[in-house]
Protein backbone atom coordinates (compact mmCIF):
# COMPACT_ATOMS: atom_id res chain seq x y z
CA MET A 1 25.88 -28.90 -10.69
CA SER A 2 26.07 -31.52 -7.99
CA ARG A 3 22.94 -32.87 -6.35
CA LEU A 4 23.99 -31.31 -3.01
CA SER A 5 24.47 -27.86 -4.62
CA PHE A 6 21.05 -28.13 -6.22
CA ILE A 7 19.36 -29.12 -2.93
CA LEU A 8 21.12 -26.29 -1.05
CA GLY A 9 20.11 -23.81 -3.75
CA VAL A 10 16.46 -24.89 -3.65
CA SER A 11 16.51 -24.82 0.16
CA PHE A 12 17.82 -21.25 0.10
CA LEU A 13 15.08 -20.16 -2.31
CA LEU A 14 12.39 -21.77 -0.17
CA LEU A 15 13.71 -20.08 2.97
CA ALA A 16 13.91 -16.70 1.27
CA GLY A 17 10.36 -16.82 -0.13
CA CYS A 18 7.25 -15.20 1.30
CA ASP A 19 3.99 -17.11 1.57
CA ARG A 20 1.61 -14.27 0.73
CA ALA A 21 -1.46 -16.45 1.01
CA GLY A 22 -0.59 -18.35 4.20
CA GLU A 23 -3.41 -19.31 6.54
CA ALA A 24 -1.65 -18.26 9.75
CA PRO A 25 -1.33 -14.60 10.73
CA ALA A 26 2.08 -12.96 10.49
CA GLN A 27 4.43 -14.07 13.23
CA PRO A 28 5.30 -11.53 15.91
CA GLY A 29 8.90 -10.71 16.64
CA ALA A 30 11.18 -9.78 13.79
CA ALA A 31 8.31 -8.71 11.52
CA ALA A 32 6.86 -6.47 14.21
CA GLU A 33 10.26 -4.97 14.91
CA SER A 34 10.82 -4.26 11.22
CA ALA A 35 7.48 -2.45 11.11
CA LYS A 36 8.63 -0.17 13.92
CA ALA A 37 11.92 0.54 12.18
CA ALA A 38 10.49 0.98 8.67
CA ALA A 39 11.73 4.10 6.96
CA GLY A 40 10.13 4.87 3.63
CA VAL A 41 12.06 6.35 0.76
CA VAL A 42 10.47 9.35 -0.96
CA GLU A 43 11.02 9.17 -4.72
CA ARG A 44 10.15 11.65 -7.45
CA LYS A 45 11.73 9.87 -10.40
CA PHE A 46 8.33 8.68 -11.65
CA ALA A 47 6.76 12.16 -11.57
CA GLY A 48 4.36 12.67 -14.45
CA THR A 49 3.30 9.02 -14.69
CA PRO A 50 -0.47 8.96 -15.28
CA LEU A 51 -2.94 7.43 -12.84
CA PRO A 52 -3.70 3.98 -14.27
CA ALA A 53 -7.09 3.32 -15.81
CA MET A 54 -8.07 0.61 -13.34
CA GLN A 55 -11.15 -0.24 -11.34
CA PHE A 56 -11.41 -1.95 -7.99
CA SER A 57 -14.30 -3.16 -5.91
CA ASN A 58 -15.11 -3.71 -2.27
CA ALA A 59 -16.93 -6.57 -0.57
CA ALA A 60 -20.28 -4.79 -1.14
CA GLY A 61 -19.69 -4.78 -4.91
CA GLU A 62 -19.16 -1.01 -5.15
CA THR A 63 -16.62 0.08 -7.77
CA LEU A 64 -13.78 2.57 -7.55
CA ASP A 65 -12.59 3.96 -10.89
CA LEU A 66 -9.16 5.49 -10.37
CA THR A 67 -9.41 7.75 -13.43
CA ALA A 68 -12.72 9.22 -12.20
CA GLN A 69 -11.06 11.03 -9.29
CA ASP A 70 -11.73 14.77 -9.28
CA GLY A 71 -8.80 15.92 -7.19
CA PRO A 72 -5.47 14.82 -5.76
CA VAL A 73 -5.30 11.24 -4.48
CA LEU A 74 -2.86 9.38 -2.28
CA ILE A 75 -3.00 5.67 -3.16
CA ASN A 76 -1.58 3.16 -0.71
CA LEU A 77 -0.90 -0.43 -1.77
CA TRP A 78 -0.91 -2.67 1.28
CA ALA A 79 -1.68 -6.18 2.55
CA THR A 80 -2.75 -7.71 5.85
CA TRP A 81 0.34 -9.95 5.86
CA CYS A 82 2.72 -6.96 5.57
CA ALA A 83 3.77 -5.69 9.03
CA PRO A 84 4.77 -2.15 7.91
CA CYS A 85 1.50 -1.93 5.94
CA VAL A 86 -0.59 -2.86 8.97
CA LYS A 87 1.25 -0.29 11.09
CA GLU A 88 0.52 2.44 8.52
CA MET A 89 -3.22 1.86 8.22
CA SER A 90 -4.30 3.75 11.37
CA GLN A 91 -1.83 6.49 10.43
CA LEU A 92 -3.36 6.74 6.96
CA ASP A 93 -6.80 6.94 8.54
CA ALA A 94 -5.60 9.91 10.63
CA LEU A 95 -3.97 11.47 7.54
CA ALA A 96 -7.23 11.12 5.61
CA ALA A 97 -8.97 13.08 8.37
CA ALA A 98 -6.25 15.75 8.42
CA LEU A 99 -6.35 16.18 4.62
CA GLU A 100 -10.11 15.86 4.20
CA GLY A 101 -11.25 18.11 1.36
CA GLU A 102 -7.67 18.45 0.06
CA VAL A 103 -6.54 14.92 -0.85
CA ARG A 104 -8.43 11.65 -1.03
CA VAL A 105 -6.59 8.78 0.65
CA ILE A 106 -7.27 5.46 -1.08
CA THR A 107 -6.00 2.14 0.25
CA VAL A 108 -6.02 -0.83 -2.11
CA SER A 109 -5.38 -4.25 -0.58
CA GLN A 110 -3.06 -6.58 -2.45
CA ASP A 111 -4.29 -9.59 -0.46
CA ILE A 112 -5.05 -12.44 -2.86
CA ARG A 113 -7.76 -13.66 -0.44
CA GLY A 114 -9.50 -10.27 -0.80
CA ALA A 115 -12.56 -9.53 1.30
CA GLU A 116 -12.08 -12.75 3.27
CA VAL A 117 -9.14 -11.19 5.14
CA VAL A 118 -9.61 -7.46 4.51
CA GLY A 119 -13.19 -7.28 5.79
CA PRO A 120 -12.38 -8.68 9.25
CA PHE A 121 -9.23 -6.52 9.43
CA PHE A 122 -11.23 -3.33 8.74
CA ALA A 123 -13.97 -4.42 11.17
CA GLN A 124 -11.42 -5.01 13.93
CA LYS A 125 -9.59 -1.70 13.38
CA GLY A 126 -12.69 0.48 12.99
CA PHE A 127 -11.19 2.98 10.54
CA GLN A 128 -13.17 6.20 10.20
CA ARG A 129 -12.01 7.40 6.76
CA LEU A 130 -10.42 4.46 4.93
CA GLU A 131 -12.41 2.25 2.58
CA PRO A 132 -11.59 -1.45 1.98
CA TRP A 133 -10.82 -1.49 -1.76
CA LEU A 134 -9.65 -4.85 -3.06
CA ASP A 135 -7.17 -5.92 -5.72
CA PRO A 136 -6.87 -9.71 -5.25
CA GLU A 137 -5.28 -10.05 -8.70
CA THR A 138 -2.58 -7.57 -7.54
CA ALA A 139 -2.85 -5.65 -10.82
CA LEU A 140 -1.97 -2.33 -9.18
CA SER A 141 1.05 -3.86 -7.51
CA ALA A 142 2.18 -5.32 -10.85
CA GLN A 143 1.80 -1.85 -12.42
CA PHE A 144 3.84 0.04 -9.83
CA THR A 145 6.04 -2.42 -7.95
CA PRO A 146 6.78 -5.49 -10.06
CA LYS A 147 8.91 -6.94 -7.26
CA GLY A 148 5.86 -6.80 -4.98
CA ALA A 149 7.47 -4.56 -2.35
CA LEU A 150 4.87 -3.18 0.04
CA PRO A 151 3.81 -0.79 1.34
CA LEU A 152 3.92 1.58 -1.60
CA THR A 153 2.15 4.93 -1.45
CA ILE A 154 1.79 7.17 -4.51
CA LEU A 155 0.57 10.78 -4.64
CA PHE A 156 -1.23 11.92 -7.80
CA ASP A 157 -2.17 15.54 -8.47
CA ALA A 158 -5.59 16.78 -9.58
CA ARG A 159 -4.63 16.14 -13.24
CA GLY A 160 -3.97 12.47 -12.44
CA ARG A 161 -0.18 12.72 -12.72
CA GLU A 162 2.19 11.17 -10.21
CA VAL A 163 3.95 13.69 -8.00
CA LEU A 164 5.88 11.41 -5.65
CA ARG A 165 5.89 7.96 -4.14
CA VAL A 166 7.03 6.48 -0.87
CA ALA A 167 8.43 2.96 -0.98
CA GLY A 168 8.34 1.33 2.45
CA GLY A 169 6.78 2.33 5.73
CA TYR A 170 6.27 5.97 6.62
CA GLU A 171 4.91 7.90 9.59
CA TRP A 172 1.75 9.12 7.82
CA ASP A 173 0.22 10.70 10.93
CA SER A 174 3.18 13.05 11.43
CA PRO A 175 3.16 16.78 10.64
CA GLU A 176 6.01 16.06 8.20
CA ALA A 177 3.78 13.75 6.16
CA SER A 178 1.03 16.35 5.80
CA ALA A 179 3.64 18.97 4.88
CA LEU A 180 5.25 16.61 2.33
CA ILE A 181 1.92 16.11 0.58
CA ARG A 182 0.81 19.75 0.69
CA ASP A 183 4.20 21.01 -0.52
CA ALA A 184 4.30 18.46 -3.35
CA LEU A 185 0.89 19.63 -4.57
CA LYS A 186 1.72 23.36 -4.59
CA PRO A 187 1.79 24.89 -8.07
CA ALA A 188 5.32 25.24 -9.42
């Protein structure tokens, strides 16, 4: 391999990478446009996968044990640097209100800077139903999306078994989203 080929190859890799822990906020423009155009893909090929035995905490030190859930849960993996994720958060808050008593909506941040960035984000947005659970080690992301693709939202039934997942952005405050979840949880 020539020196020029090597330099061009390294340059391409650097340009294609994503600085997940960058200090500056996400740039407007293309990222914001991609958030508007995001279309999640509903997948059922992982149906039956058990809810992982993991625990997460929030800035106050409270703990969330995923296996201790006593009903269906919708888990959303997101990050403050992910434009489609940010767009979904207010929609997920509205969905949590619409499905209150039926399905618990849990958002787990994959931000490696944890409460430092998630706390201010939640304070600014003023969510009514969502809780700022943190996974700065990105263990949940490693479990379900090894390539790190976000957002990823997974629906588990009351027995703790995966029913479906949505990879990519989705219009969670739409009637279709509520219907998708309710229909997926109906007994067969």
